[in-house]
C-alpha atoms as a PDB file:
ATOM      1  CA  MET A   1      18.689  56.582   2.874  1.00  0.00           C
ATOM      2  CA  ASP A   2      21.789  58.756   3.350  1.00  0.00           C
ATOM      3  CA  GLN A   3      24.567  58.083   0.889  1.00  0.00           C
ATOM      4  CA  ASP A   4      27.081  57.595   3.703  1.00  0.00           C
ATOM      5  CA  GLN A   5      24.853  54.990   5.459  1.00  0.00           C
ATOM      6  CA  SER A   6      24.520  51.335   4.715  1.00  0.00           C
ATOM      7  CA  GLU A   7      21.340  49.376   5.136  1.00  0.00           C
ATOM      8  CA  PHE A   8      23.057  47.979   8.296  1.00  0.00           C
ATOM      9  CA  ASP A   9      23.280  51.490   9.762  1.00  0.00           C
ATOM     10  CA  GLU A  10      19.924  52.347   8.731  1.00  0.00           C
ATOM     11  CA  SER A  11      18.412  49.467  10.727  1.00  0.00           C
ATOM     12  CA  TYR A  12      19.559  51.295  13.963  1.00  0.00           C
ATOM     13  CA  LEU A  13      17.977  54.554  13.068  1.00  0.00           C
ATOM     14  CA  ASP A  14      14.603  53.582  14.700  1.00  0.00           C
ATOM     15  CA  ASP A  15      16.394  52.845  17.979  1.00  0.00           C
ATOM     16  CA  PRO A  16      19.695  54.769  18.477  1.00  0.00           C
ATOM     17  CA  SER A  17      20.025  53.497  21.974  1.00  0.00           C
ATOM     18  CA  GLN A  18      20.320  49.832  20.815  1.00  0.00           C
ATOM     19  CA  ARG A  19      23.702  50.334  19.229  1.00  0.00           C
ATOM     20  CA  GLU A  20      24.846  52.157  22.513  1.00  0.00           C
ATOM     21  CA  HIS A  21      23.368  49.234  24.571  1.00  0.00           C
ATOM     22  CA  ASP A  22      25.148  46.542  22.297  1.00  0.00           C
ATOM     23  CA  GLU A  23      28.427  48.368  22.554  1.00  0.00           C
ATOM     24  CA  GLN A  24      28.203  48.668  26.276  1.00  0.00           C
ATOM     25  CA  ARG A  25      27.378  44.936  26.689  1.00  0.00           C
ATOM     26  CA  LEU A  26      30.216  44.033  24.423  1.00  0.00           C
ATOM     27  CA  GLY A  27      32.639  46.263  26.325  1.00  0.00           C
ATOM     28  CA  ASP A  28      31.497  44.856  29.640  1.00  0.00           C
ATOM     29  CA  ALA A  29      31.727  41.349  28.485  1.00  0.00           C
ATOM     30  CA  ILE A  30      35.292  41.688  27.179  1.00  0.00           C
ATOM     31  CA  LEU A  31      36.422  43.721  30.156  1.00  0.00           C
ATOM     32  CA  ASN A  32      34.846  41.535  32.926  1.00  0.00           C
ATOM     33  CA  SER A  33      34.919  38.040  31.610  1.00  0.00           C
ATOM     34  CA  PRO A  34      37.628  35.522  32.395  1.00  0.00           C
ATOM     35  CA  LEU A  35      39.174  33.296  29.664  1.00  0.00           C
ATOM     36  CA  ALA A  36      37.164  30.336  31.131  1.00  0.00           C
ATOM     37  CA  THR A  37      34.027  32.040  29.589  1.00  0.00           C
ATOM     38  CA  LEU A  38      35.414  31.366  26.132  1.00  0.00           C
ATOM     39  CA  GLU A  39      35.800  27.567  26.741  1.00  0.00           C
ATOM     40  CA  PRO A  40      39.082  27.466  24.873  1.00  0.00           C
ATOM     41  CA  LYS A  41      40.085  24.331  23.019  1.00  0.00           C
ATOM     42  CA  PRO A  42      42.178  21.794  25.258  1.00  0.00           C
ATOM     43  CA  ALA A  43      45.839  21.955  24.498  1.00  0.00           C
ATOM     44  CA  VAL A  44      47.243  19.682  22.067  1.00  0.00           C
ATOM     45  CA  THR A  45      50.862  18.886  23.018  1.00  0.00           C
ATOM     46  CA  VAL A  46      53.983  17.242  21.444  1.00  0.00           C
ATOM     47  CA  SER A  47      57.331  16.340  23.146  1.00  0.00           C
ATOM     48  CA  ALA A  48      60.577  18.301  22.341  1.00  0.00           C
ATOM     49  CA  ASP A  49      61.857  15.524  20.248  1.00  0.00           C
ATOM     50  CA  THR A  50      58.735  15.322  17.909  1.00  0.00           C
ATOM     51  CA  THR A  51      59.853  16.150  14.257  1.00  0.00           C
ATOM     52  CA  VAL A  52      58.503  19.248  12.427  1.00  0.00           C
ATOM     53  CA  ARG A  53      56.766  16.854  10.113  1.00  0.00           C
ATOM     54  CA  GLU A  54      54.993  15.050  12.870  1.00  0.00           C
ATOM     55  CA  ALA A  55      53.955  18.404  14.598  1.00  0.00           C
ATOM     56  CA  ILE A  56      52.571  19.631  11.267  1.00  0.00           C
ATOM     57  CA  ALA A  57      50.738  16.445  10.759  1.00  0.00           C
ATOM     58  CA  VAL A  58      49.045  16.844  14.166  1.00  0.00           C
ATOM     59  CA  MET A  59      48.162  20.387  13.470  1.00  0.00           C
ATOM     60  CA  LEU A  60      46.533  19.335  10.080  1.00  0.00           C
ATOM     61  CA  ASP A  61      44.799  16.270  11.628  1.00  0.00           C
ATOM     62  CA  ARG A  62      43.325  18.339  14.423  1.00  0.00           C
ATOM     63  CA  SER A  63      42.641  21.458  12.271  1.00  0.00           C
ATOM     64  CA  ILE A  64      44.510  23.542  14.771  1.00  0.00           C
ATOM     65  CA  GLY A  65      47.061  26.366  14.312  1.00  0.00           C
ATOM     66  CA  ALA A  66      49.457  25.509  17.217  1.00  0.00           C
ATOM     67  CA  VAL A  67      50.712  22.759  19.387  1.00  0.00           C
ATOM     68  CA  LEU A  68      52.370  23.308  22.751  1.00  0.00           C
ATOM     69  CA  VAL A  69      55.764  21.709  23.045  1.00  0.00           C
ATOM     70  CA  LEU A  70      56.330  20.143  26.598  1.00  0.00           C
ATOM     71  CA  ASP A  71      59.520  20.136  28.438  1.00  0.00           C
ATOM     72  CA  ASP A  72      60.675  17.080  30.500  1.00  0.00           C
ATOM     73  CA  ARG A  73      58.560  18.201  33.424  1.00  0.00           C
ATOM     74  CA  GLY A  74      55.456  18.436  31.532  1.00  0.00           C
ATOM     75  CA  HIS A  75      55.323  22.188  31.309  1.00  0.00           C
ATOM     76  CA  VAL A  76      55.081  24.374  28.340  1.00  0.00           C
ATOM     77  CA  GLY A  77      58.524  24.828  26.997  1.00  0.00           C
ATOM     78  CA  GLY A  78      57.562  26.259  23.740  1.00  0.00           C
ATOM     79  CA  ILE A  79      54.722  26.740  21.151  1.00  0.00           C
ATOM     80  CA  PHE A  80      54.873  25.671  17.492  1.00  0.00           C
ATOM     81  CA  THR A  81      52.538  27.575  15.204  1.00  0.00           C
ATOM     82  CA  GLU A  82      51.496  28.110  11.538  1.00  0.00           C
ATOM     83  CA  ARG A  83      53.804  31.137  11.639  1.00  0.00           C
ATOM     84  CA  ASP A  84      56.725  29.052  12.600  1.00  0.00           C
ATOM     85  CA  VAL A  85      55.844  26.638   9.743  1.00  0.00           C
ATOM     86  CA  LEU A  86      55.902  29.593   7.282  1.00  0.00           C
ATOM     87  CA  ARG A  87      58.769  31.676   8.536  1.00  0.00           C
ATOM     88  CA  LYS A  88      61.108  28.943  10.082  1.00  0.00           C
ATOM     89  CA  VAL A  89      60.503  25.896   7.872  1.00  0.00           C
ATOM     90  CA  ALA A  90      58.960  26.711   4.541  1.00  0.00           C
ATOM     91  CA  ALA A  91      61.130  29.934   4.150  1.00  0.00           C
ATOM     92  CA  SER A  92      64.245  28.057   4.854  1.00  0.00           C
ATOM     93  CA  SER A  93      66.098  24.843   4.105  1.00  0.00           C
ATOM     94  CA  ILE A  94      65.152  23.162   7.442  1.00  0.00           C
ATOM     95  CA  ASP A  95      64.577  19.422   6.969  1.00  0.00           C
ATOM     96  CA  THR A  96      61.159  18.388   8.268  1.00  0.00           C
ATOM     97  CA  SER A  97      62.928  15.657  10.191  1.00  0.00           C
ATOM     98  CA  THR A  98      64.255  18.310  12.526  1.00  0.00           C
ATOM     99  CA  CYS A  99      63.086  18.266  16.165  1.00  0.00           C
ATOM    100  CA  VAL A 100      60.310  20.781  16.699  1.00  0.00           C
ATOM    101  CA  SER A 101      62.262  22.090  19.703  1.00  0.00           C
ATOM    102  CA  GLU A 102      64.709  23.683  17.255  1.00  0.00           C
ATOM    103  CA  VAL A 103      62.224  25.803  15.485  1.00  0.00           C
ATOM    104  CA  MET A 104      59.486  26.426  18.063  1.00  0.00           C
ATOM    105  CA  THR A 105      59.003  29.709  19.885  1.00  0.00           C
ATOM    106  CA  ARG A 106      60.632  29.254  23.305  1.00  0.00           C
ATOM    107  CA  ASP A 107      59.037  30.080  26.566  1.00  0.00           C
ATOM    108  CA  PRO A 108      55.856  31.627  25.206  1.00  0.00           C
ATOM    109  CA  GLU A 109      53.876  34.018  27.426  1.00  0.00           C
ATOM    110  CA  SER A 110      50.980  32.087  29.029  1.00  0.00           C
ATOM    111  CA  LEU A 111      47.848  32.982  30.844  1.00  0.00           C
ATOM    112  CA  GLY A 112      45.461  31.308  33.253  1.00  0.00           C
ATOM    113  CA  LEU A 113      41.739  30.499  32.874  1.00  0.00           C
ATOM    114  CA  ASP A 114      41.029  33.361  35.484  1.00  0.00           C
ATOM    115  CA  ASP A 115      42.796  36.011  33.491  1.00  0.00           C
ATOM    116  CA  GLY A 116      40.500  38.379  31.693  1.00  0.00           C
ATOM    117  CA  ILE A 117      39.576  38.452  27.979  1.00  0.00           C
ATOM    118  CA  ALA A 118      40.698  42.043  27.616  1.00  0.00           C
ATOM    119  CA  PHE A 119      44.032  41.199  29.181  1.00  0.00           C
ATOM    120  CA  ALA A 120      44.462  38.232  26.778  1.00  0.00           C
ATOM    121  CA  LEU A 121      43.596  40.453  23.838  1.00  0.00           C
ATOM    122  CA  ASN A 122      46.170  43.105  25.034  1.00  0.00           C
ATOM    123  CA  ARG A 123      48.882  40.509  25.366  1.00  0.00           C
ATOM    124  CA  MET A 124      48.182  39.009  21.907  1.00  0.00           C
ATOM    125  CA  ILE A 125      48.051  42.460  20.214  1.00  0.00           C
ATOM    126  CA  LEU A 126      51.185  43.668  21.814  1.00  0.00           C
ATOM    127  CA  GLY A 127      53.110  40.479  21.445  1.00  0.00           C
ATOM    128  CA  GLY A 128      51.895  39.990  17.921  1.00  0.00           C
ATOM    129  CA  PHE A 129      50.654  36.502  18.324  1.00  0.00           C
ATOM    130  CA  ARG A 130      47.356  34.701  17.456  1.00  0.00           C
ATOM    131  CA  HIS A 131      47.886  31.779  19.970  1.00  0.00           C
ATOM    132  CA  ILE A 132      48.572  31.897  23.649  1.00  0.00           C
ATOM    133  CA  PRO A 133      48.925  28.895  26.070  1.00  0.00           C
ATOM    134  CA  ILE A 134      46.669  28.645  29.018  1.00  0.00           C
ATOM    135  CA  VAL A 135      48.193  26.901  31.993  1.00  0.00           C
ATOM    136  CA  ASP A 136      47.111  25.808  35.510  1.00  0.00           C
ATOM    137  CA  ASP A 137      48.886  27.184  38.587  1.00  0.00           C
ATOM    138  CA  ALA A 138      51.552  24.619  38.342  1.00  0.00           C
ATOM    139  CA  GLY A 139      52.379  25.561  34.870  1.00  0.00           C
ATOM    140  CA  ALA A 140      50.859  22.479  33.193  1.00  0.00           C
ATOM    141  CA  PRO A 141      49.100  23.153  29.878  1.00  0.00           C
ATOM    142  CA  LEU A 142      45.233  23.348  29.824  1.00  0.00           C
ATOM    143  CA  ALA A 143      44.302  24.947  26.584  1.00  0.00           C
ATOM    144  CA  VAL A 144      45.449  27.054  23.813  1.00  0.00           C
ATOM    145  CA  LEU A 145      43.567  30.323  23.317  1.00  0.00           C
ATOM    146  CA  SER A 146      43.356  31.414  19.658  1.00  0.00           C
ATOM    147  CA  LEU A 147      42.312  34.849  18.357  1.00  0.00           C
ATOM    148  CA  ARG A 148      39.563  33.137  16.442  1.00  0.00           C
ATOM    149  CA  GLU A 149      37.933  31.992  19.739  1.00  0.00           C
ATOM    150  CA  VAL A 150      37.994  35.612  20.949  1.00  0.00           C
ATOM    151  CA  VAL A 151      36.410  36.823  17.735  1.00  0.00           C
ATOM    152  CA  ALA A 152      33.743  33.979  17.886  1.00  0.00           C
ATOM    153  CA  PHE A 153      32.955  35.281  21.425  1.00  0.00           C
ATOM    154  CA  ILE A 154      32.481  38.863  20.228  1.00  0.00           C
ATOM    155  CA  VAL A 155      30.287  37.576  17.419  1.00  0.00           C
ATOM    156  CA  SER A 156      28.201  35.678  19.850  1.00  0.00           C
ATOM    157  CA  LEU A 157      27.411  38.760  21.710  1.00  0.00           C
ATOM    158  CA  LEU A 158      26.257  40.733  18.667  1.00  0.00           C
ATOM    159  CA  PRO A 159      25.020  38.020  16.306  1.00  0.00           C
ATOM    160  CA  SER A 160      22.311  39.994  14.618  1.00  0.00           C
ATOM    161  CA  ARG A 161      24.655  42.861  13.853  1.00  0.00           C
ATOM    162  CA  VAL A 162      27.547  40.688  12.483  1.00  0.00           C
ATOM    163  CA  LEU A 163      25.796  37.730  10.939  1.00  0.00           C
ATOM    164  CA  ASN A 164      23.187  39.775   9.073  1.00  0.00           C
ATOM    165  CA  LEU A 165      25.831  41.726   7.162  1.00  0.00           C
ATOM    166  CA  PRO A 166      25.590  41.395   3.270  1.00  0.00           C
ATOM    167  CA  PRO A 167      27.923  38.697   1.811  1.00  0.00           C
ATOM    168  CA  GLU A 168      30.120  41.448   0.219  1.00  0.00           C
ATOM    169  CA  PRO A 169      30.547  44.422   2.466  1.00  0.00           C
ATOM    170  CA  ARG A 170      30.741  46.890  -0.457  1.00  0.00           C
ATOM    171  CA  LEU A 171      27.432  45.676  -1.975  1.00  0.00           C
ATOM    172  CA  GLU A 172      24.092  46.905  -0.682  1.00  0.00           C
ATOM    173  CA  ALA A 173      21.209  44.726  -0.302  1.00  0.00           C
ATOM    174  CA  ARG A 174      18.505  45.304  -2.930  1.00  0.00           C
ATOM    175  CA  SER A 175      15.655  44.524  -0.494  1.00  0.00           C
ATOM    176  CA  SER A 176      15.069  44.387   3.271  1.00  0.00           C
ATOM    177  CA  ASP A 177      15.643  40.568   3.215  1.00  0.00           C
ATOM    178  CA  GLY A 178      19.052  40.940   1.698  1.00  0.00           C
ATOM    179  CA  GLY A 179      18.099  39.818  -1.908  1.00  0.00           C
END
């Protein structure tokens, strides 16, 4: 085995077209699939007068990284995320009895279920966020897309290439079965 190749790379030496085929399939799926394909988790919402403490409790209870904050019309008025907890609550002297509307990210960018996965990735990367609300045509919340869901989708397209990596990337397997 070449010193610059891992056992993972070596497995593709027998069929170099397999890697190209996998990359093409991955690219096609990301570029041509709508967000509905990802089956994003339903939106968890709170009202604007919910306290920061209550919003954090909801996030912890549901094991989620963001809640949508609804305005009085039932539309997304903001998003409250783990980052908001770290940057606006933990790093300051804000009391957790403060209304979440005072520390949320206002008027977040949102997408629809028919928008493409590639477009969502573009918006998330350019905007620097890990969660994006998905709304219906009337602006009512449907789901929250997380970057984690996009990564899980990518892994699902290439499971043998991702899930068969050694537990420590810098370590090489001592045998063909990974031992």
